[in-house]
């Protein structure tokens, strides 16, 4: 099972949308567009949710361990 983390590479601000995109296997640009639309429609509540997600979602390790081939 994949863990939701904020990647070090590919982030725009804090990596929240990039992490959600990786976790759901979708393009992070789609997540960013949906997040922006919801932020505009909710009168800015998305900004507060983004900051909370930034604090709660852990950052991925700089050098993830190498995956071993299945035996």
PDB file of N, CA and C in Angstrom:
ATOM      1  N   UNK A   1       0.849  -1.182   0.000  1.00  0.00           N
ATOM      2  CA  UNK A   1       0.000   0.000   0.000  1.00  0.00           C
ATOM      3  C   UNK A   1       0.892   1.242   0.000  1.00  0.00           C
ATOM      4  N   UNK A   2       0.574   2.186  -0.887  1.00  0.00           N
ATOM      5  CA  UNK A   2       1.362   3.405  -0.984  1.00  0.00           C
ATOM      6  C   UNK A   2       1.010   4.352   0.158  1.00  0.00           C
ATOM      7  N   UNK A   3       2.039   5.051   0.635  1.00  0.00           N
ATOM      8  CA  UNK A   3       1.843   6.052   1.670  1.00  0.00           C
ATOM      9  C   UNK A   3       1.801   7.430   1.014  1.00  0.00           C
ATOM     10  N   UNK A   4       0.914   8.273   1.469  1.00  0.00           N
ATOM     11  CA  UNK A   4       0.804   9.633   0.951  1.00  0.00           C
ATOM     12  C   UNK A   4       1.935  10.473   1.525  1.00  0.00           C
ATOM     13  N   UNK A   5       2.822  10.945   0.642  1.00  0.00           N
ATOM     14  CA  UNK A   5       3.930  11.806   1.048  1.00  0.00           C
ATOM     15  C   UNK A   5       4.053  12.958   0.064  1.00  0.00           C
ATOM     16  N   UNK A   6       4.754  14.005   0.487  1.00  0.00           N
ATOM     17  CA  UNK A   6       5.038  15.135  -0.386  1.00  0.00           C
ATOM     18  C   UNK A   6       6.403  14.906  -1.021  1.00  0.00           C
ATOM     19  N   UNK A   7       6.482  14.782  -2.353  1.00  0.00           N
ATOM     20  CA  UNK A   7       7.772  14.511  -2.997  1.00  0.00           C
ATOM     21  C   UNK A   7       8.709  15.706  -2.936  1.00  0.00           C
ATOM     22  N   UNK A   8      10.004  15.410  -2.974  1.00  0.00           N
ATOM     23  CA  UNK A   8      11.010  16.473  -2.987  1.00  0.00           C
ATOM     24  C   UNK A   8      11.094  17.090  -4.377  1.00  0.00           C
ATOM     25  N   UNK A   9      10.968  16.254  -5.409  1.00  0.00           N
ATOM     26  CA  UNK A   9      11.031  16.730  -6.800  1.00  0.00           C
ATOM     27  C   UNK A   9       9.624  16.863  -7.366  1.00  0.00           C
ATOM     28  N   UNK A  10       9.418  17.839  -8.246  1.00  0.00           N
ATOM     29  CA  UNK A  10       8.145  18.003  -8.924  1.00  0.00           C
ATOM     30  C   UNK A  10       7.131  18.836  -8.169  1.00  0.00           C
ATOM     31  N   UNK A  11       7.551  19.507  -7.146  1.00  0.00           N
ATOM     32  CA  UNK A  11       6.605  20.321  -6.384  1.00  0.00           C
ATOM     33  C   UNK A  11       6.597  21.758  -6.888  1.00  0.00           C
ATOM     34  N   UNK A  12       5.460  22.416  -6.696  1.00  0.00           N
ATOM     35  CA  UNK A  12       5.339  23.819  -7.072  1.00  0.00           C
ATOM     36  C   UNK A  12       5.497  24.710  -5.836  1.00  0.00           C
ATOM     37  N   UNK A  13       4.742  24.421  -4.787  1.00  0.00           N
ATOM     38  CA  UNK A  13       4.845  25.200  -3.551  1.00  0.00           C
ATOM     39  C   UNK A  13       5.372  24.284  -2.447  1.00  0.00           C
ATOM     40  N   UNK A  14       4.530  23.394  -1.965  1.00  0.00           N
ATOM     41  CA  UNK A  14       4.937  22.499  -0.874  1.00  0.00           C
ATOM     42  C   UNK A  14       4.864  21.036  -1.263  1.00  0.00           C
ATOM     43  N   UNK A  15       4.342  20.729  -2.437  1.00  0.00           N
ATOM     44  CA  UNK A  15       4.291  19.350  -2.885  1.00  0.00           C
ATOM     45  C   UNK A  15       3.028  18.610  -2.510  1.00  0.00           C
ATOM     46  N   UNK A  16       2.031  19.306  -1.982  1.00  0.00           N
ATOM     47  CA  UNK A  16       0.790  18.643  -1.575  1.00  0.00           C
ATOM     48  C   UNK A  16       0.075  18.061  -2.796  1.00  0.00           C
ATOM     49  N   UNK A  17      -0.119  18.851  -3.824  1.00  0.00           N
ATOM     50  CA  UNK A  17      -0.827  18.369  -5.019  1.00  0.00           C
ATOM     51  C   UNK A  17      -0.019  17.312  -5.752  1.00  0.00           C
ATOM     52  N   UNK A  18       1.303  17.461  -5.788  1.00  0.00           N
ATOM     53  CA  UNK A  18       2.146  16.453  -6.424  1.00  0.00           C
ATOM     54  C   UNK A  18       2.062  15.135  -5.662  1.00  0.00           C
ATOM     55  N   UNK A  19       2.033  15.199  -4.347  1.00  0.00           N
ATOM     56  CA  UNK A  19       1.914  13.990  -3.539  1.00  0.00           C
ATOM     57  C   UNK A  19       0.576  13.309  -3.721  1.00  0.00           C
ATOM     58  N   UNK A  20      -0.492  14.099  -3.783  1.00  0.00           N
ATOM     59  CA  UNK A  20      -1.828  13.525  -4.000  1.00  0.00           C
ATOM     60  C   UNK A  20      -1.899  12.909  -5.394  1.00  0.00           C
ATOM     61  N   UNK A  21      -1.320  13.582  -6.383  1.00  0.00           N
ATOM     62  CA  UNK A  21      -1.302  13.044  -7.741  1.00  0.00           C
ATOM     63  C   UNK A  21      -0.553  11.723  -7.826  1.00  0.00           C
ATOM     64  N   UNK A  22       0.608  11.645  -7.175  1.00  0.00           N
ATOM     65  CA  UNK A  22       1.367  10.392  -7.151  1.00  0.00           C
ATOM     66  C   UNK A  22       0.575   9.289  -6.455  1.00  0.00           C
ATOM     67  N   UNK A  23      -0.037   9.636  -5.354  1.00  0.00           N
ATOM     68  CA  UNK A  23      -0.780   8.645  -4.565  1.00  0.00           C
ATOM     69  C   UNK A  23      -1.971   8.093  -5.348  1.00  0.00           C
ATOM     70  N   UNK A  24      -2.651   8.949  -6.109  1.00  0.00           N
ATOM     71  CA  UNK A  24      -3.829   8.527  -6.872  1.00  0.00           C
ATOM     72  C   UNK A  24      -3.493   8.116  -8.305  1.00  0.00           C
ATOM     73  N   UNK A  25      -2.220   8.156  -8.674  1.00  0.00           N
ATOM     74  CA  UNK A  25      -1.761   7.818 -10.022  1.00  0.00           C
ATOM     75  C   UNK A  25      -2.418   8.671 -11.103  1.00  0.00           C
ATOM     76  N   UNK A  26      -2.494   9.980 -10.849  1.00  0.00           N
ATOM     77  CA  UNK A  26      -2.975  10.926 -11.845  1.00  0.00           C
ATOM     78  C   UNK A  26      -1.971  12.064 -11.965  1.00  0.00           C
ATOM     79  N   UNK A  27      -2.080  12.829 -13.029  1.00  0.00           N
ATOM     80  CA  UNK A  27      -1.168  13.936 -13.275  1.00  0.00           C
ATOM     81  C   UNK A  27      -1.359  15.010 -12.195  1.00  0.00           C
ATOM     82  N   UNK A  28      -0.273  15.468 -11.553  1.00  0.00           N
ATOM     83  CA  UNK A  28      -0.404  16.505 -10.529  1.00  0.00           C
ATOM     84  C   UNK A  28      -1.025  17.800 -11.046  1.00  0.00           C
ATOM     85  N   UNK A  29      -0.908  18.069 -12.348  1.00  0.00           N
ATOM     86  CA  UNK A  29      -1.512  19.268 -12.921  1.00  0.00           C
ATOM     87  C   UNK A  29      -3.034  19.212 -12.793  1.00  0.00           C
ATOM     88  N   UNK A  30      -3.603  18.039 -12.968  1.00  0.00           N
ATOM     89  CA  UNK A  30      -5.055  17.873 -12.806  1.00  0.00           C
ATOM     90  C   UNK A  30      -5.444  18.169 -11.363  1.00  0.00           C
ATOM     91  N   UNK A  31      -4.660  17.655 -10.420  1.00  0.00           N
ATOM     92  CA  UNK A  31      -4.938  17.907  -9.003  1.00  0.00           C
ATOM     93  C   UNK A  31      -4.845  19.399  -8.718  1.00  0.00           C
ATOM     94  N   UNK A  32      -3.839  20.061  -9.266  1.00  0.00           N
ATOM     95  CA  UNK A  32      -3.675  21.504  -9.043  1.00  0.00           C
ATOM     96  C   UNK A  32      -4.846  22.295  -9.610  1.00  0.00           C
ATOM     97  N   UNK A  33      -5.310  21.927 -10.809  1.00  0.00           N
ATOM     98  CA  UNK A  33      -6.440  22.634 -11.414  1.00  0.00           C
ATOM     99  C   UNK A  33      -7.725  22.432 -10.607  1.00  0.00           C
ATOM    100  N   UNK A  34      -7.974  21.214 -10.171  1.00  0.00           N
ATOM    101  CA  UNK A  34      -9.164  20.931  -9.362  1.00  0.00           C
ATOM    102  C   UNK A  34      -9.074  21.671  -8.039  1.00  0.00           C
ATOM    103  N   UNK A  35      -7.889  21.659  -7.421  1.00  0.00           N
ATOM    104  CA  UNK A  35      -7.712  22.346  -6.138  1.00  0.00           C
ATOM    105  C   UNK A  35      -7.943  23.848  -6.304  1.00  0.00           C
ATOM    106  N   UNK A  36      -7.426  24.436  -7.390  1.00  0.00           N
ATOM    107  CA  UNK A  36      -7.617  25.870  -7.636  1.00  0.00           C
ATOM    108  C   UNK A  36      -9.090  26.195  -7.850  1.00  0.00           C
ATOM    109  N   UNK A  37      -9.778  25.359  -8.623  1.00  0.00           N
ATOM    110  CA  UNK A  37     -11.207  25.595  -8.869  1.00  0.00           C
ATOM    111  C   UNK A  37     -12.001  25.500  -7.569  1.00  0.00           C
ATOM    112  N   UNK A  38     -11.716  24.490  -6.763  1.00  0.00           N
ATOM    113  CA  UNK A  38     -12.433  24.349  -5.489  1.00  0.00           C
ATOM    114  C   UNK A  38     -12.109  25.498  -4.533  1.00  0.00           C
ATOM    115  N   UNK A  39     -10.876  25.983  -4.584  1.00  0.00           N
ATOM    116  CA  UNK A  39     -10.498  27.127  -3.739  1.00  0.00           C
ATOM    117  C   UNK A  39     -11.288  28.369  -4.145  1.00  0.00           C
ATOM    118  N   UNK A  40     -11.412  28.602  -5.454  1.00  0.00           N
ATOM    119  CA  UNK A  40     -12.169  29.767  -5.922  1.00  0.00           C
ATOM    120  C   UNK A  40     -13.656  29.635  -5.594  1.00  0.00           C
ATOM    121  N   UNK A  41     -14.200  28.435  -5.743  1.00  0.00           N
ATOM    122  CA  UNK A  41     -15.623  28.221  -5.485  1.00  0.00           C
ATOM    123  C   UNK A  41     -15.962  28.230  -3.992  1.00  0.00           C
ATOM    124  N   UNK A  42     -14.965  27.940  -3.144  1.00  0.00           N
ATOM    125  CA  UNK A  42     -15.229  27.893  -1.709  1.00  0.00           C
ATOM    126  C   UNK A  42     -14.770  29.164  -0.998  1.00  0.00           C
ATOM    127  N   UNK A  43     -14.555  30.213  -1.771  1.00  0.00           N
ATOM    128  CA  UNK A  43     -14.162  31.521  -1.236  1.00  0.00           C
ATOM    129  C   UNK A  43     -12.864  31.460  -0.438  1.00  0.00           C
ATOM    130  N   UNK A  44     -11.902  30.654  -0.910  1.00  0.00           N
ATOM    131  CA  UNK A  44     -10.579  30.621  -0.306  1.00  0.00           C
ATOM    132  C   UNK A  44     -10.344  29.566   0.752  1.00  0.00           C
ATOM    133  N   UNK A  45     -11.340  28.745   1.049  1.00  0.00           N
ATOM    134  CA  UNK A  45     -11.172  27.712   2.068  1.00  0.00           C
ATOM    135  C   UNK A  45     -10.084  26.718   1.661  1.00  0.00           C
ATOM    136  N   UNK A  46      -9.887  26.517   0.364  1.00  0.00           N
ATOM    137  CA  UNK A  46      -8.871  25.599  -0.129  1.00  0.00           C
ATOM    138  C   UNK A  46      -7.469  25.980   0.300  1.00  0.00           C
ATOM    139  N   UNK A  47      -7.232  27.267   0.497  1.00  0.00           N
ATOM    140  CA  UNK A  47      -5.916  27.721   0.960  1.00  0.00           C
ATOM    141  C   UNK A  47      -5.661  27.206   2.370  1.00  0.00           C
ATOM    142  N   UNK A  48      -6.654  27.308   3.234  1.00  0.00           N
ATOM    143  CA  UNK A  48      -6.516  26.813   4.602  1.00  0.00           C
ATOM    144  C   UNK A  48      -6.328  25.296   4.607  1.00  0.00           C
ATOM    145  N   UNK A  49      -7.088  24.595   3.778  1.00  0.00           N
ATOM    146  CA  UNK A  49      -6.967  23.137   3.683  1.00  0.00           C
ATOM    147  C   UNK A  49      -5.581  22.766   3.161  1.00  0.00           C
ATOM    148  N   UNK A  50      -5.044  23.523   2.201  1.00  0.00           N
ATOM    149  CA  UNK A  50      -3.711  23.263   1.667  1.00  0.00           C
ATOM    150  C   UNK A  50      -2.659  23.407   2.765  1.00  0.00           C
ATOM    151  N   UNK A  51      -2.759  24.452   3.557  1.00  0.00           N
ATOM    152  CA  UNK A  51      -1.794  24.675   4.641  1.00  0.00           C
ATOM    153  C   UNK A  51      -1.868  23.546   5.664  1.00  0.00           C
ATOM    154  N   UNK A  52      -3.073  23.108   5.985  1.00  0.00           N
ATOM    155  CA  UNK A  52      -3.225  21.995   6.925  1.00  0.00           C
ATOM    156  C   UNK A  52      -2.625  20.716   6.333  1.00  0.00           C
ATOM    157  N   UNK A  53      -2.878  20.469   5.041  1.00  0.00           N
ATOM    158  CA  UNK A  53      -2.303  19.287   4.384  1.00  0.00           C
ATOM    159  C   UNK A  53      -0.778  19.384   4.364  1.00  0.00           C
ATOM    160  N   UNK A  54      -0.245  20.568   4.158  1.00  0.00           N
ATOM    161  CA  UNK A  54       1.201  20.789   4.151  1.00  0.00           C
ATOM    162  C   UNK A  54       1.797  20.372   5.499  1.00  0.00           C
ATOM    163  N   UNK A  55       1.100  20.686   6.568  1.00  0.00           N
ATOM    164  CA  UNK A  55       1.585  20.351   7.908  1.00  0.00           C
ATOM    165  C   UNK A  55       1.414  18.874   8.242  1.00  0.00           C
ATOM    166  N   UNK A  56       0.365  18.244   7.717  1.00  0.00           N
ATOM    167  CA  UNK A  56       0.054  16.860   8.090  1.00  0.00           C
ATOM    168  C   UNK A  56       0.713  15.801   7.206  1.00  0.00           C
ATOM    169  N   UNK A  57       0.897  16.079   5.922  1.00  0.00           N
ATOM    170  CA  UNK A  57       1.458  15.083   5.011  1.00  0.00           C
ATOM    171  C   UNK A  57       2.976  15.118   5.128  1.00  0.00           C
ATOM    172  N   UNK A  58       3.603  13.989   5.469  1.00  0.00           N
ATOM    173  CA  UNK A  58       5.065  13.984   5.629  1.00  0.00           C
ATOM    174  C   UNK A  58       5.777  14.102   4.291  1.00  0.00           C
ATOM    175  N   UNK A  59       6.995  14.652   4.347  1.00  0.00           N
ATOM    176  CA  UNK A  59       7.815  14.771   3.148  1.00  0.00           C
ATOM    177  C   UNK A  59       8.469  13.421   2.866  1.00  0.00           C
ATOM    178  N   UNK A  60       8.560  13.066   1.586  1.00  0.00           N
ATOM    179  CA  UNK A  60       9.193  11.799   1.227  1.00  0.00           C
ATOM    180  C   UNK A  60      10.695  11.901   1.479  1.00  0.00           C
ATOM    181  N   UNK A  61      11.345  10.766   1.712  1.00  0.00           N
ATOM    182  CA  UNK A  61      12.794  10.803   1.949  1.00  0.00           C
ATOM    183  C   UNK A  61      13.544  11.301   0.716  1.00  0.00           C
ATOM    184  N   UNK A  62      14.688  11.952   0.945  1.00  0.00           N
ATOM    185  CA  UNK A  62      15.501  12.489  -0.158  1.00  0.00           C
ATOM    186  C   UNK A  62      15.950  11.380  -1.098  1.00  0.00           C
ATOM    187  N   UNK A  63      16.503  10.331  -0.557  1.00  0.00           N
ATOM    188  CA  UNK A  63      17.002   9.212  -1.351  1.00  0.00           C
ATOM    189  C   UNK A  63      16.250   7.954  -0.939  1.00  0.00           C
ATOM    190  N   UNK A  64      15.133   7.646  -1.598  1.00  0.00           N
ATOM    191  CA  UNK A  64      14.386   6.453  -1.206  1.00  0.00           C
ATOM    192  C   UNK A  64      15.226   5.201  -1.427  1.00  0.00           C
ATOM    193  N   UNK A  65      15.028   4.181  -0.594  1.00  0.00           N
ATOM    194  CA  UNK A  65      15.812   2.949  -0.746  1.00  0.00           C
ATOM    195  C   UNK A  65      15.517   2.282  -2.081  1.00  0.00           C
ATOM    196  N   UNK A  66      16.543   1.641  -2.623  1.00  0.00           N
ATOM    197  CA  UNK A  66      16.389   0.954  -3.904  1.00  0.00           C
ATOM    198  C   UNK A  66      15.447  -0.229  -3.757  1.00  0.00           C
ATOM    199  N   UNK A  67      14.612  -0.421  -4.745  1.00  0.00           N
ATOM    200  CA  UNK A  67      13.690  -1.545  -4.739  1.00  0.00           C
ATOM    201  C   UNK A  67      14.430  -2.801  -5.176  1.00  0.00           C
ATOM    202  N   UNK A  68      14.282  -3.862  -4.431  1.00  0.00           N
ATOM    203  CA  UNK A  68      14.893  -5.125  -4.795  1.00  0.00           C
ATOM    204  C   UNK A  68      13.977  -5.874  -5.742  1.00  0.00           C
ATOM    205  N   UNK A  69      14.535  -6.543  -6.732  1.00  0.00           N
ATOM    206  CA  UNK A  69      13.676  -7.308  -7.639  1.00  0.00           C
ATOM    207  C   UNK A  69      13.039  -8.475  -6.904  1.00  0.00           C
ATOM    208  N   UNK A  70      11.819  -8.860  -7.302  1.00  0.00           N
ATOM    209  CA  UNK A  70      11.171  -9.977  -6.622  1.00  0.00           C
ATOM    210  C   UNK A  70      11.943 -11.268  -6.864  1.00  0.00           C
ATOM    211  N   UNK A  71      12.001 -12.088  -5.846  1.00  0.00           N
ATOM    212  CA  UNK A  71      12.750 -13.343  -5.980  1.00  0.00           C
ATOM    213  C   UNK A  71      11.854 -14.505  -6.314  1.00  0.00           C
TER     214      UNK A  71
END
